[in-house]
Amino acid sequence: MTSTPPSGPDFQAQPPQGWPPQEPPPQGWPPPPAQGPSAGWQAPPPTWPPPSTPQPSVPPPCAYHADRAAGVRCQRCGNPICGECMVEAPVGFQCRACVAQGMALTRQAEGPFGGRRSANPALTSLVLIGLNVAVWLAILLAGGGQGRLTGILALTPGGICDLPAGSYVGVSALQCAGAGGTFLPGPLDGGWWQIVTNAFTHVDLLHLAMNMLALWFIGPMVERVLGRTRFLAVYGVSLLTASVFVLLLSAPETSTLGASGAISGLMGALLVLVLRLRGNAQSVLMWIGINVVITIMGSAGISWQGHLGGFLGGIATTLVIIALHAARARARRPQP
């Protein structure tokens, strides 16, 4: 059964009275807005960009070339490196700085300051001791301290007049010839060899023994760190600076001999090396202190000029060796 609404041209539907229904809202509606931190739950602020949005991938710059993008990271230090800085390693790639450092660590034949390690660090000191003993024996056979060989080898700036009655200093060549003697020239008169030979000349056995004992203890320690060539450089320069200080600060008629100047240079070199390598410097300072005490107590017969000159020469030579090694190490590093 269906109901059909009336229809026709004159018919118009009328809305029912009271439509739409006007019902009052319930009390307390709409609810007042929440106030205060404990009034209710608040949604967290939105994050932008959303976590699901993919971030653009920008490669980091090379650690050694800031204007180039890095492709990989060094397997050793972790720094980003570009294609020019990449060196293929057994696993992955390494930067050139790490490769150079690894090669330096594997050079077992090279010392900490670039010198080639000596297979027997005591050998050079033994050879020097042998030379000093040989010269002492030759002087002993040639008449000792008053013999002519001593006058030829010892450092006497003003020369020596050799007479049958003995040797005299402070006499000119003309005066010596007038007295019928033989004039032995010093460095100021052409006897330049005395600058070197005086460091191998000893007359007294105790003097020789003390110097050789110090050389035996100190020499191998310096050679073990610097290598044979650099050790000889320190010994030679210390020898020369000791002779120069004698020429500048001693009286022309004074004769100087002995290896004390060169050995003082080894003490200075050892002190620099111990401080540079952060070792224990107590034993080195003990040797230096003994040397100073002997120099002061025996001031009448010991050349403080030679000791001071050799000590400063050893320090200066060692500092130059360390500086040159550091400069070469910087030159081998890749430049950014």
Protein backbone atom coordinates (compact mmCIF):
# COMPACT_ATOMS: atom_id res chain seq x y z
CA MET A 1 0.00 0.00 0.00
CA THR A 2 1.53 3.28 -1.06
CA SER A 3 0.65 6.90 -0.41
CA THR A 4 1.02 9.38 -3.23
CA PRO A 5 1.35 13.10 -2.34
CA PRO A 6 -1.06 15.51 -4.03
CA SER A 7 0.22 17.01 -7.25
CA GLY A 8 -0.91 19.55 -9.74
CA PRO A 9 -0.06 22.98 -11.11
CA ASP A 10 -1.65 24.88 -8.24
CA PHE A 11 -0.34 22.74 -5.46
CA GLN A 12 2.55 23.91 -3.22
CA ALA A 13 3.86 21.96 -0.29
CA GLN A 14 3.88 23.87 2.93
CA PRO A 15 6.53 23.24 5.56
CA PRO A 16 5.26 21.98 8.83
CA GLN A 17 4.89 24.46 11.57
CA GLY A 18 7.80 24.71 13.99
CA TRP A 19 10.40 23.45 11.51
CA PRO A 20 13.17 23.20 11.98
CA PRO A 21 12.63 22.48 15.62
CA GLN A 22 14.13 25.10 17.92
CA GLU A 23 15.41 23.26 20.92
CA PRO A 24 17.57 25.06 23.44
CA PRO A 25 21.13 23.65 23.75
CA PRO A 26 21.93 21.80 26.90
CA GLN A 27 23.40 23.70 29.72
CA GLY A 28 27.21 24.08 29.61
CA TRP A 29 27.42 23.69 25.85
CA PRO A 30 29.63 24.42 24.06
CA PRO A 31 32.29 23.63 26.71
CA PRO A 32 34.62 26.48 27.69
CA PRO A 33 38.16 26.33 26.28
CA ALA A 34 40.70 24.53 28.44
CA GLN A 35 43.04 26.81 30.41
CA GLY A 36 46.36 26.11 32.22
CA PRO A 37 48.89 23.32 31.75
CA SER A 38 46.77 20.75 33.59
CA ALA A 39 43.49 21.56 31.94
CA GLY A 40 43.72 18.76 29.41
CA TRP A 41 45.74 17.12 26.64
CA GLN A 42 47.37 19.36 24.08
CA ALA A 43 48.65 18.14 20.76
CA PRO A 44 52.44 18.52 20.26
CA PRO A 45 53.56 21.15 17.76
CA PRO A 46 53.95 19.77 14.29
CA THR A 47 57.47 19.04 13.04
CA TRP A 48 58.64 20.16 9.65
CA PRO A 49 59.58 18.57 7.41
CA PRO A 50 57.65 15.47 8.43
CA PRO A 51 59.86 12.52 9.41
CA SER A 52 58.68 10.58 6.42
CA THR A 53 59.99 13.25 4.03
CA PRO A 54 63.37 12.06 2.57
CA GLN A 55 66.31 14.43 3.26
CA PRO A 56 68.53 15.49 0.36
CA SER A 57 71.95 13.67 0.39
CA VAL A 58 74.87 16.16 0.29
CA PRO A 59 78.38 14.58 0.38
CA PRO A 60 80.78 16.14 2.91
CA PRO A 61 83.81 18.11 1.68
CA CYS A 62 87.21 16.47 1.46
CA ALA A 63 89.34 16.86 4.60
CA TYR A 64 92.31 18.00 2.48
CA HIS A 65 90.48 19.82 -0.36
CA ALA A 66 87.61 21.89 1.01
CA ASP A 67 86.32 22.74 -2.47
CA ARG A 68 85.84 19.08 -3.47
CA ALA A 69 83.18 16.63 -2.45
CA ALA A 70 84.34 13.49 -0.68
CA GLY A 71 83.38 10.12 -2.05
CA VAL A 72 84.54 7.82 0.75
CA ARG A 73 86.01 7.96 4.23
CA CYS A 74 89.52 6.89 5.20
CA GLN A 75 89.49 3.44 6.77
CA ARG A 76 92.16 4.51 9.25
CA CYS A 77 91.30 8.01 10.48
CA GLY A 78 87.70 8.31 9.25
CA ASN A 79 88.20 11.64 7.48
CA PRO A 80 86.22 12.18 4.24
CA ILE A 81 88.50 12.13 1.20
CA CYS A 82 88.11 12.91 -2.48
CA GLY A 83 89.31 10.87 -5.40
CA GLU A 84 92.74 12.53 -5.49
CA CYS A 85 93.40 11.72 -1.83
CA MET A 86 92.26 8.10 -2.06
CA VAL A 87 94.91 5.40 -1.80
CA GLU A 88 93.74 1.83 -2.17
CA ALA A 89 94.37 -0.23 0.95
CA PRO A 90 93.93 -3.95 1.68
CA VAL A 91 90.48 -3.01 3.01
CA GLY A 92 88.82 0.06 1.53
CA PHE A 93 90.77 3.28 0.99
CA GLN A 94 93.09 5.40 3.11
CA CYS A 95 94.11 9.04 2.88
CA ARG A 96 97.64 9.92 1.85
CA ALA A 97 98.52 11.23 5.34
CA CYS A 98 97.67 7.89 6.96
CA VAL A 99 99.58 6.02 4.27
CA ALA A 100 102.67 8.19 4.88
CA GLN A 101 102.34 7.73 8.64
CA GLY A 102 102.05 3.98 8.26
CA MET A 103 105.12 3.86 6.05
CA ALA A 104 107.07 5.90 8.61
CA LEU A 105 106.09 3.50 11.38
CA THR A 106 107.15 0.49 9.36
CA ARG A 107 110.60 1.91 8.57
CA GLN A 108 112.38 -0.04 11.26
CA ALA A 109 115.78 1.03 9.89
CA GLU A 110 115.05 4.72 10.48
CA GLY A 111 115.39 6.45 13.82
CA PRO A 112 112.95 8.95 15.32
CA PHE A 113 114.77 11.87 13.70
CA GLY A 114 115.47 10.36 10.30
CA GLY A 115 118.88 8.79 10.91
CA ARG A 116 119.53 5.23 9.85
CA ARG A 117 119.69 2.98 12.90
CA SER A 118 123.10 1.53 13.66
CA ALA A 119 123.37 -2.24 13.87
CA ASN A 120 125.99 -1.73 16.60
CA PRO A 121 125.60 1.72 18.22
CA ALA A 122 128.78 1.25 20.27
CA LEU A 123 131.03 0.66 17.25
CA THR A 124 131.64 4.34 16.42
CA SER A 125 132.53 5.15 20.01
CA LEU A 126 134.91 2.19 20.09
CA VAL A 127 136.66 3.48 16.96
CA LEU A 128 137.00 6.96 18.48
CA ILE A 129 138.36 5.47 21.69
CA GLY A 130 140.86 3.47 19.65
CA LEU A 131 142.05 6.59 17.81
CA ASN A 132 142.55 8.48 21.07
CA VAL A 133 144.48 5.60 22.64
CA ALA A 134 146.64 5.24 19.52
CA VAL A 135 147.56 8.94 19.56
CA TRP A 136 148.33 8.74 23.28
CA LEU A 137 150.67 5.81 22.70
CA ALA A 138 152.40 7.68 19.86
CA ILE A 139 152.87 10.73 22.10
CA LEU A 140 154.19 8.52 24.91
CA LEU A 141 156.77 6.99 22.57
CA ALA A 142 157.69 10.41 21.15
CA GLY A 143 158.68 11.96 24.48
CA GLY A 144 155.40 12.60 26.25
CA GLY A 145 154.06 16.05 26.95
CA GLN A 146 157.38 17.75 26.16
CA GLY A 147 157.85 15.92 22.89
CA ARG A 148 157.59 17.50 19.50
CA LEU A 149 154.52 15.49 18.51
CA THR A 150 152.54 17.07 21.32
CA GLY A 151 153.44 20.53 20.06
CA ILE A 152 152.30 19.61 16.57
CA LEU A 153 148.93 18.14 17.61
CA ALA A 154 147.89 20.32 20.56
CA LEU A 155 145.98 23.56 19.95
CA THR A 156 148.33 26.48 20.62
CA PRO A 157 147.03 29.60 18.82
CA GLY A 158 150.38 31.44 18.94
CA GLY A 159 152.59 28.47 18.07
CA ILE A 160 155.39 26.73 20.00
CA CYS A 161 159.15 27.17 19.85
CA ASP A 162 160.86 23.79 20.09
CA LEU A 163 164.38 24.04 21.58
CA PRO A 164 166.73 21.32 22.77
CA ALA A 165 166.05 22.49 26.32
CA GLY A 166 162.28 22.17 25.91
CA SER A 167 159.24 23.72 24.28
CA TYR A 168 158.27 27.34 24.81
CA VAL A 169 155.05 29.22 24.09
CA GLY A 170 154.57 32.94 23.57
CA VAL A 171 157.67 33.15 21.36
CA SER A 172 157.45 34.49 17.82
CA ALA A 173 158.82 32.63 14.85
CA LEU A 174 161.70 35.15 14.47
CA GLN A 175 162.68 34.88 18.12
CA CYS A 176 162.57 31.10 17.93
CA ALA A 177 164.76 31.04 14.82
CA GLY A 178 167.22 33.47 16.46
CA ALA A 179 167.55 31.11 19.43
CA GLY A 180 168.22 28.18 17.13
CA GLY A 181 164.88 26.49 17.73
CA THR A 182 162.15 25.09 15.48
CA PHE A 183 158.92 26.99 15.39
CA LEU A 184 155.76 24.87 15.38
CA PRO A 185 152.96 27.08 14.01
CA GLY A 186 149.52 27.31 15.58
CA PRO A 187 146.18 27.91 13.80
CA LEU A 188 146.91 31.63 13.60
CA ASP A 189 150.19 30.91 11.80
CA GLY A 190 148.95 28.21 9.44
CA GLY A 191 148.69 25.18 11.72
CA TRP A 192 144.97 24.75 10.98
CA TRP A 193 145.07 20.97 11.64
CA GLN A 194 145.35 21.65 15.37
CA ILE A 195 141.67 22.62 15.39
CA VAL A 196 140.89 18.90 14.87
CA THR A 197 143.94 17.03 16.17
CA ASN A 198 143.80 18.57 19.63
CA ALA A 199 140.59 16.60 20.33
CA PHE A 200 142.50 13.32 19.88
CA THR A 201 145.53 14.36 21.91
CA HIS A 202 146.09 13.34 25.51
CA VAL A 203 149.24 13.40 27.60
CA ASP A 204 148.07 12.27 31.03
CA LEU A 205 146.71 8.73 31.40
CA LEU A 206 144.05 9.79 33.92
CA HIS A 207 142.84 12.50 31.55
CA LEU A 208 142.57 9.95 28.75
CA ALA A 209 140.75 7.40 30.94
CA MET A 210 138.14 9.86 32.18
CA ASN A 211 137.34 11.14 28.69
CA MET A 212 137.15 7.68 27.16
CA LEU A 213 134.93 6.42 29.98
CA ALA A 214 132.49 9.27 29.37
CA LEU A 215 132.59 8.62 25.63
CA TRP A 216 131.86 4.91 26.17
CA PHE A 217 128.75 5.67 28.26
CA ILE A 218 127.33 8.64 26.34
CA GLY A 219 128.33 7.95 22.74
CA PRO A 220 126.25 4.78 22.13
CA MET A 221 123.15 6.40 23.61
CA VAL A 222 123.35 9.33 21.20
CA GLU A 223 124.13 7.11 18.21
CA ARG A 224 121.22 4.80 19.06
CA VAL A 225 118.80 7.71 18.60
CA LEU A 226 120.45 9.72 15.81
CA GLY A 227 122.23 7.07 13.79
CA ARG A 228 125.92 6.91 12.93
CA THR A 229 126.10 9.78 10.44
CA ARG A 230 124.27 12.25 12.64
CA PHE A 231 126.24 11.10 15.68
CA LEU A 232 129.50 11.87 13.88
CA ALA A 233 128.06 15.24 12.82
CA VAL A 234 127.34 16.14 16.45
CA TYR A 235 130.77 14.94 17.56
CA GLY A 236 132.56 16.79 14.76
CA VAL A 237 130.71 20.09 15.15
CA SER A 238 131.16 19.99 18.94
CA LEU A 239 134.88 19.43 18.40
CA LEU A 240 135.09 22.42 16.06
CA THR A 241 133.04 24.79 18.23
CA ALA A 242 135.20 23.88 21.23
CA SER A 243 138.33 24.80 19.27
CA VAL A 244 136.75 28.05 18.06
CA PHE A 245 135.89 29.08 21.63
CA VAL A 246 139.47 28.34 22.65
CA LEU A 247 140.81 30.51 19.83
CA LEU A 248 138.46 33.37 20.71
CA LEU A 249 138.57 33.27 24.51
CA SER A 250 141.95 31.79 25.47
CA ALA A 251 145.36 33.45 25.53
CA PRO A 252 147.46 32.83 22.36
CA GLU A 253 150.19 31.10 24.34
CA THR A 254 147.84 28.58 25.95
CA SER A 255 147.99 24.96 24.75
CA THR A 256 144.71 23.03 24.77
CA LEU A 257 144.28 19.32 24.15
CA GLY A 258 141.84 16.51 24.92
CA ALA A 259 138.43 15.20 23.81
CA SER A 260 136.54 16.99 26.59
CA GLY A 261 135.02 19.57 24.24
CA ALA A 262 133.55 16.96 21.90
CA ILE A 263 132.27 14.88 24.82
CA SER A 264 130.63 17.97 26.32
CA GLY A 265 128.86 18.34 22.98
CA LEU A 266 127.53 14.77 23.28
CA MET A 267 126.18 15.67 26.73
CA GLY A 268 124.35 18.66 25.28
CA ALA A 269 122.99 16.53 22.43
CA LEU A 270 121.79 13.83 24.82
CA LEU A 271 120.03 16.42 26.96
CA VAL A 272 118.13 17.77 23.93
CA LEU A 273 117.14 14.27 22.81
CA VAL A 274 115.91 13.22 26.24
CA LEU A 275 113.82 16.37 26.62
CA ARG A 276 112.49 16.07 23.06
CA LEU A 277 111.47 12.43 23.58
CA ARG A 278 110.15 13.19 27.10
CA GLY A 279 112.50 10.78 28.81
CA ASN A 280 114.12 10.84 32.23
CA ALA A 281 116.80 13.54 32.20
CA GLN A 282 118.18 12.87 35.70
CA SER A 283 121.14 10.76 34.56
CA VAL A 284 122.00 13.25 31.80
CA LEU A 285 121.90 16.14 34.24
CA MET A 286 124.14 14.13 36.55
CA TRP A 287 126.79 13.79 33.81
CA ILE A 288 126.52 17.49 33.02
CA GLY A 289 126.79 18.36 36.70
CA ILE A 290 129.94 16.24 37.08
CA ASN A 291 131.44 17.95 34.06
CA VAL A 292 130.69 21.39 35.48
CA VAL A 293 132.17 20.50 38.87
CA ILE A 294 135.35 19.15 37.28
CA THR A 295 135.64 22.25 35.12
CA ILE A 296 135.27 24.61 38.09
CA MET A 297 137.48 22.66 40.49
CA GLY A 298 140.21 22.19 37.91
CA SER A 299 139.94 25.66 36.42
CA ALA A 300 143.70 26.13 36.46
CA GLY A 301 144.34 23.18 34.17
CA ILE A 302 140.99 22.66 32.38
CA SER A 303 139.77 24.70 29.43
CA TRP A 304 136.33 25.96 30.32
CA GLN A 305 136.31 27.62 26.91
CA GLY A 306 136.50 24.23 25.18
CA HIS A 307 133.88 22.67 27.46
CA LEU A 308 131.44 25.54 26.93
CA GLY A 309 132.00 25.70 23.19
CA GLY A 310 131.54 21.96 22.75
CA PHE A 311 128.40 21.88 24.90
CA LEU A 312 126.75 24.68 22.92
CA GLY A 313 127.85 23.15 19.63
CA GLY A 314 126.27 19.80 20.53
CA ILE A 315 122.98 21.44 21.48
CA ALA A 316 122.88 23.56 18.32
CA THR A 317 123.69 20.64 16.00
CA THR A 318 121.03 18.41 17.54
CA LEU A 319 118.38 21.13 17.29
CA VAL A 320 119.23 21.60 13.61
CA ILE A 321 118.94 17.85 12.99
CA ILE A 322 115.50 17.75 14.65
CA ALA A 323 114.32 20.83 12.74
CA LEU A 324 115.44 19.43 9.37
CA HIS A 325 113.69 16.14 10.05
CA ALA A 326 110.46 17.96 10.96
CA ALA A 327 110.68 20.04 7.77
CA ARG A 328 111.10 16.91 5.63
CA ALA A 329 108.15 15.27 7.37
CA ARG A 330 105.95 18.29 6.63
CA ALA A 331 107.04 18.26 2.99
CA ARG A 332 105.94 14.62 2.63
CA ARG A 333 102.43 15.34 3.88
CA PRO A 334 99.74 16.04 1.25
CA GLN A 335 98.93 19.73 1.05
CA PRO A 336 95.25 20.78 1.19
